[in-house]
Amino acid sequence: CGSLISSQFSFIPTASTNPKAALKSKIVAEFRPQSLIDELLLYKRSEDQIELKEKQLSTMRVDVCSTETLKCLKGKS
């Protein structure tokens, strides 16, 4: 009985026998930090643009009831 238990626990899965471990190894090996940095920079620029437009709109005095004014604003963005 003792040999049966020890034989069951003597097997340690490796990356080649464990599909999850193999997938994790592949992801780590293929990770390219530069592409992540580029995406984050694009996101930051987009956030900056949104913030700038919000500030510009907050300083404008706009009649929100005028559909013509809203059309003009929409055309500028």
N, C-alpha and C. Protein backbone atom coordinates (compact mmCIF):
# COMPACT_ATOMS: atom_id res chain seq x y z
N CYS A 1 0.83 -1.19 0.00
CA CYS A 1 0.00 0.00 0.00
C CYS A 1 0.87 1.25 0.00
N GLY A 2 1.97 1.24 0.78
CA GLY A 2 2.87 2.39 0.83
C GLY A 2 3.53 2.64 -0.51
N SER A 3 3.87 1.60 -1.24
CA SER A 3 4.51 1.78 -2.54
C SER A 3 3.52 2.34 -3.56
N LEU A 4 2.24 2.02 -3.39
CA LEU A 4 1.22 2.53 -4.29
C LEU A 4 1.09 4.05 -4.13
N ILE A 5 1.10 4.52 -2.89
CA ILE A 5 0.99 5.96 -2.63
C ILE A 5 2.23 6.69 -3.13
N SER A 6 3.40 6.16 -2.84
CA SER A 6 4.62 6.82 -3.28
C SER A 6 4.71 6.84 -4.81
N SER A 7 4.20 5.83 -5.46
CA SER A 7 4.26 5.83 -6.93
C SER A 7 3.27 6.83 -7.51
N GLN A 8 2.18 7.12 -6.82
CA GLN A 8 1.21 8.10 -7.30
C GLN A 8 1.75 9.51 -7.17
N PHE A 9 2.52 9.79 -6.15
CA PHE A 9 3.02 11.13 -5.90
C PHE A 9 4.43 11.37 -6.43
N SER A 10 5.03 10.37 -7.00
CA SER A 10 6.37 10.56 -7.53
C SER A 10 6.34 11.28 -8.88
N PHE A 11 5.19 11.33 -9.52
CA PHE A 11 5.06 11.98 -10.82
C PHE A 11 4.86 13.48 -10.62
N ILE A 12 5.78 14.26 -11.12
CA ILE A 12 5.68 15.73 -11.06
C ILE A 12 5.50 16.22 -12.48
N PRO A 13 4.38 16.89 -12.78
CA PRO A 13 4.14 17.34 -14.16
C PRO A 13 5.15 18.40 -14.59
N THR A 14 5.60 18.29 -15.80
CA THR A 14 6.52 19.28 -16.36
C THR A 14 5.79 20.05 -17.44
N ALA A 15 6.45 21.04 -18.01
CA ALA A 15 5.84 21.87 -19.05
C ALA A 15 5.43 21.03 -20.26
N SER A 16 6.20 19.98 -20.54
CA SER A 16 5.87 19.16 -21.71
C SER A 16 4.68 18.25 -21.46
N THR A 17 4.40 17.91 -20.21
CA THR A 17 3.27 17.03 -19.92
C THR A 17 2.06 17.80 -19.41
N ASN A 18 2.25 19.03 -18.99
CA ASN A 18 1.15 19.84 -18.47
C ASN A 18 0.81 20.93 -19.49
N PRO A 19 -0.35 20.85 -20.13
CA PRO A 19 -0.69 21.83 -21.18
C PRO A 19 -0.75 23.28 -20.66
N LYS A 20 -1.22 23.47 -19.43
CA LYS A 20 -1.28 24.84 -18.88
C LYS A 20 0.12 25.41 -18.69
N ALA A 21 1.01 24.61 -18.18
CA ALA A 21 2.39 25.07 -17.98
C ALA A 21 3.05 25.36 -19.32
N ALA A 22 2.77 24.54 -20.31
CA ALA A 22 3.34 24.75 -21.64
C ALA A 22 2.81 26.06 -22.23
N LEU A 23 1.52 26.32 -22.04
CA LEU A 23 0.93 27.55 -22.54
C LEU A 23 1.53 28.77 -21.84
N LYS A 24 1.70 28.67 -20.53
CA LYS A 24 2.31 29.78 -19.79
C LYS A 24 3.73 30.03 -20.27
N SER A 25 4.49 28.98 -20.49
CA SER A 25 5.86 29.12 -20.99
C SER A 25 5.88 29.79 -22.34
N LYS A 26 4.93 29.41 -23.20
CA LYS A 26 4.84 30.01 -24.54
C LYS A 26 4.51 31.49 -24.45
N ILE A 27 3.57 31.84 -23.59
CA ILE A 27 3.17 33.25 -23.42
C ILE A 27 4.35 34.08 -22.94
N VAL A 28 5.06 33.57 -21.96
CA VAL A 28 6.22 34.30 -21.43
C VAL A 28 7.30 34.44 -22.49
N ALA A 29 7.51 33.39 -23.27
CA ALA A 29 8.55 33.42 -24.31
C ALA A 29 8.20 34.39 -25.42
N GLU A 30 6.90 34.53 -25.73
CA GLU A 30 6.48 35.39 -26.84
C GLU A 30 6.15 36.81 -26.40
N PHE A 31 6.24 37.10 -25.12
CA PHE A 31 5.90 38.43 -24.60
C PHE A 31 6.88 39.47 -25.13
N ARG A 32 6.33 40.51 -25.70
CA ARG A 32 7.13 41.62 -26.22
C ARG A 32 6.71 42.90 -25.51
N PRO A 33 7.50 43.37 -24.56
CA PRO A 33 7.10 44.54 -23.78
C PRO A 33 6.95 45.80 -24.62
N GLN A 34 7.66 45.92 -25.74
CA GLN A 34 7.58 47.14 -26.53
C GLN A 34 6.17 47.34 -27.09
N SER A 35 5.52 46.27 -27.51
CA SER A 35 4.16 46.41 -28.03
C SER A 35 3.20 46.86 -26.92
N LEU A 36 3.40 46.38 -25.70
CA LEU A 36 2.59 46.82 -24.57
C LEU A 36 2.83 48.29 -24.28
N ILE A 37 4.08 48.70 -24.31
CA ILE A 37 4.43 50.11 -24.09
C ILE A 37 3.78 50.99 -25.15
N ASP A 38 3.84 50.56 -26.41
CA ASP A 38 3.21 51.33 -27.50
C ASP A 38 1.71 51.47 -27.29
N GLU A 39 1.05 50.38 -26.90
CA GLU A 39 -0.39 50.42 -26.66
C GLU A 39 -0.72 51.35 -25.49
N LEU A 40 0.08 51.31 -24.45
CA LEU A 40 -0.16 52.19 -23.30
C LEU A 40 0.04 53.65 -23.67
N LEU A 41 1.03 53.94 -24.52
CA LEU A 41 1.24 55.32 -24.97
C LEU A 41 0.07 55.81 -25.80
N LEU A 42 -0.44 54.96 -26.68
CA LEU A 42 -1.63 55.33 -27.48
C LEU A 42 -2.82 55.61 -26.57
N TYR A 43 -3.00 54.77 -25.57
CA TYR A 43 -4.09 54.96 -24.62
C TYR A 43 -3.94 56.28 -23.87
N LYS A 44 -2.72 56.57 -23.44
CA LYS A 44 -2.46 57.81 -22.71
C LYS A 44 -2.74 59.03 -23.58
N ARG A 45 -2.31 58.98 -24.84
CA ARG A 45 -2.59 60.10 -25.76
C ARG A 45 -4.09 60.28 -25.94
N SER A 46 -4.79 59.18 -26.06
CA SER A 46 -6.25 59.24 -26.21
C SER A 46 -6.90 59.87 -24.98
N GLU A 47 -6.45 59.46 -23.81
CA GLU A 47 -6.96 60.04 -22.57
C GLU A 47 -6.65 61.54 -22.50
N ASP A 48 -5.46 61.93 -22.93
CA ASP A 48 -5.10 63.35 -22.93
C ASP A 48 -5.99 64.14 -23.88
N GLN A 49 -6.30 63.57 -25.04
CA GLN A 49 -7.19 64.22 -26.00
C GLN A 49 -8.58 64.42 -25.41
N ILE A 50 -9.08 63.40 -24.75
CA ILE A 50 -10.40 63.48 -24.13
C ILE A 50 -10.41 64.56 -23.05
N GLU A 51 -9.38 64.59 -22.25
CA GLU A 51 -9.29 65.60 -21.19
C GLU A 51 -9.24 67.01 -21.78
N LEU A 52 -8.47 67.19 -22.84
CA LEU A 52 -8.37 68.50 -23.49
C LEU A 52 -9.73 68.93 -24.03
N LYS A 53 -10.43 68.01 -24.70
CA LYS A 53 -11.74 68.35 -25.27
C LYS A 53 -12.75 68.66 -24.17
N GLU A 54 -12.68 67.93 -23.07
CA GLU A 54 -13.57 68.21 -21.95
C GLU A 54 -13.31 69.61 -21.38
N LYS A 55 -12.04 69.97 -21.27
CA LYS A 55 -11.70 71.30 -20.77
C LYS A 55 -12.19 72.38 -21.73
N GLN A 56 -11.99 72.14 -23.03
CA GLN A 56 -12.45 73.11 -24.03
C GLN A 56 -13.96 73.28 -23.97
N LEU A 57 -14.67 72.19 -23.83
CA LEU A 57 -16.13 72.27 -23.76
C LEU A 57 -16.60 72.96 -22.47
N SER A 58 -15.89 72.72 -21.39
CA SER A 58 -16.31 73.33 -20.13
C SER A 58 -16.09 74.85 -20.13
N THR A 59 -15.14 75.33 -20.92
CA THR A 59 -14.91 76.77 -20.98
C THR A 59 -15.84 77.47 -21.97
N MET A 60 -16.44 76.69 -22.87
CA MET A 60 -17.37 77.28 -23.84
C MET A 60 -18.73 77.50 -23.18
N ARG A 61 -19.38 78.51 -23.63
CA ARG A 61 -20.77 78.72 -23.20
C ARG A 61 -21.65 78.31 -24.39
N VAL A 62 -22.31 77.18 -24.21
CA VAL A 62 -23.07 76.60 -25.30
C VAL A 62 -24.53 76.46 -24.89
N ASP A 63 -25.39 76.85 -25.80
CA ASP A 63 -26.81 76.64 -25.59
C ASP A 63 -27.13 75.21 -26.00
N VAL A 64 -27.29 74.34 -25.02
CA VAL A 64 -27.49 72.93 -25.32
C VAL A 64 -28.87 72.65 -25.91
N CYS A 65 -29.74 73.62 -25.87
CA CYS A 65 -31.07 73.44 -26.47
C CYS A 65 -31.03 73.68 -27.97
N SER A 66 -29.95 74.30 -28.46
CA SER A 66 -29.86 74.60 -29.88
C SER A 66 -29.24 73.41 -30.61
N THR A 67 -30.04 72.77 -31.45
CA THR A 67 -29.53 71.63 -32.21
C THR A 67 -28.49 72.07 -33.23
N GLU A 68 -28.61 73.27 -33.74
CA GLU A 68 -27.63 73.78 -34.71
C GLU A 68 -26.25 73.93 -34.05
N THR A 69 -26.23 74.45 -32.85
CA THR A 69 -24.97 74.60 -32.11
C THR A 69 -24.34 73.24 -31.85
N LEU A 70 -25.15 72.28 -31.45
CA LEU A 70 -24.64 70.93 -31.18
C LEU A 70 -24.09 70.28 -32.45
N LYS A 71 -24.74 70.51 -33.58
CA LYS A 71 -24.25 69.97 -34.85
C LYS A 71 -22.89 70.58 -35.19
N CYS A 72 -22.74 71.87 -34.94
CA CYS A 72 -21.45 72.54 -35.22
C CYS A 72 -20.37 71.97 -34.34
N LEU A 73 -20.66 71.75 -33.05
CA LEU A 73 -19.67 71.19 -32.14
C LEU A 73 -19.30 69.77 -32.56
N LYS A 74 -20.29 69.00 -32.94
CA LYS A 74 -20.02 67.63 -33.36
C LYS A 74 -19.13 67.61 -34.60
N GLY A 75 -19.33 68.56 -35.50
CA GLY A 75 -18.52 68.63 -36.71
C GLY A 75 -17.09 69.01 -36.45
N LYS A 76 -16.82 69.74 -35.34
CA LYS A 76 -15.46 70.15 -35.01
C LYS A 76 -14.64 69.03 -34.39
N SER A 77 -15.27 68.04 -33.81
CA SER A 77 -14.54 66.98 -33.13
C SER A 77 -14.03 65.93 -34.04
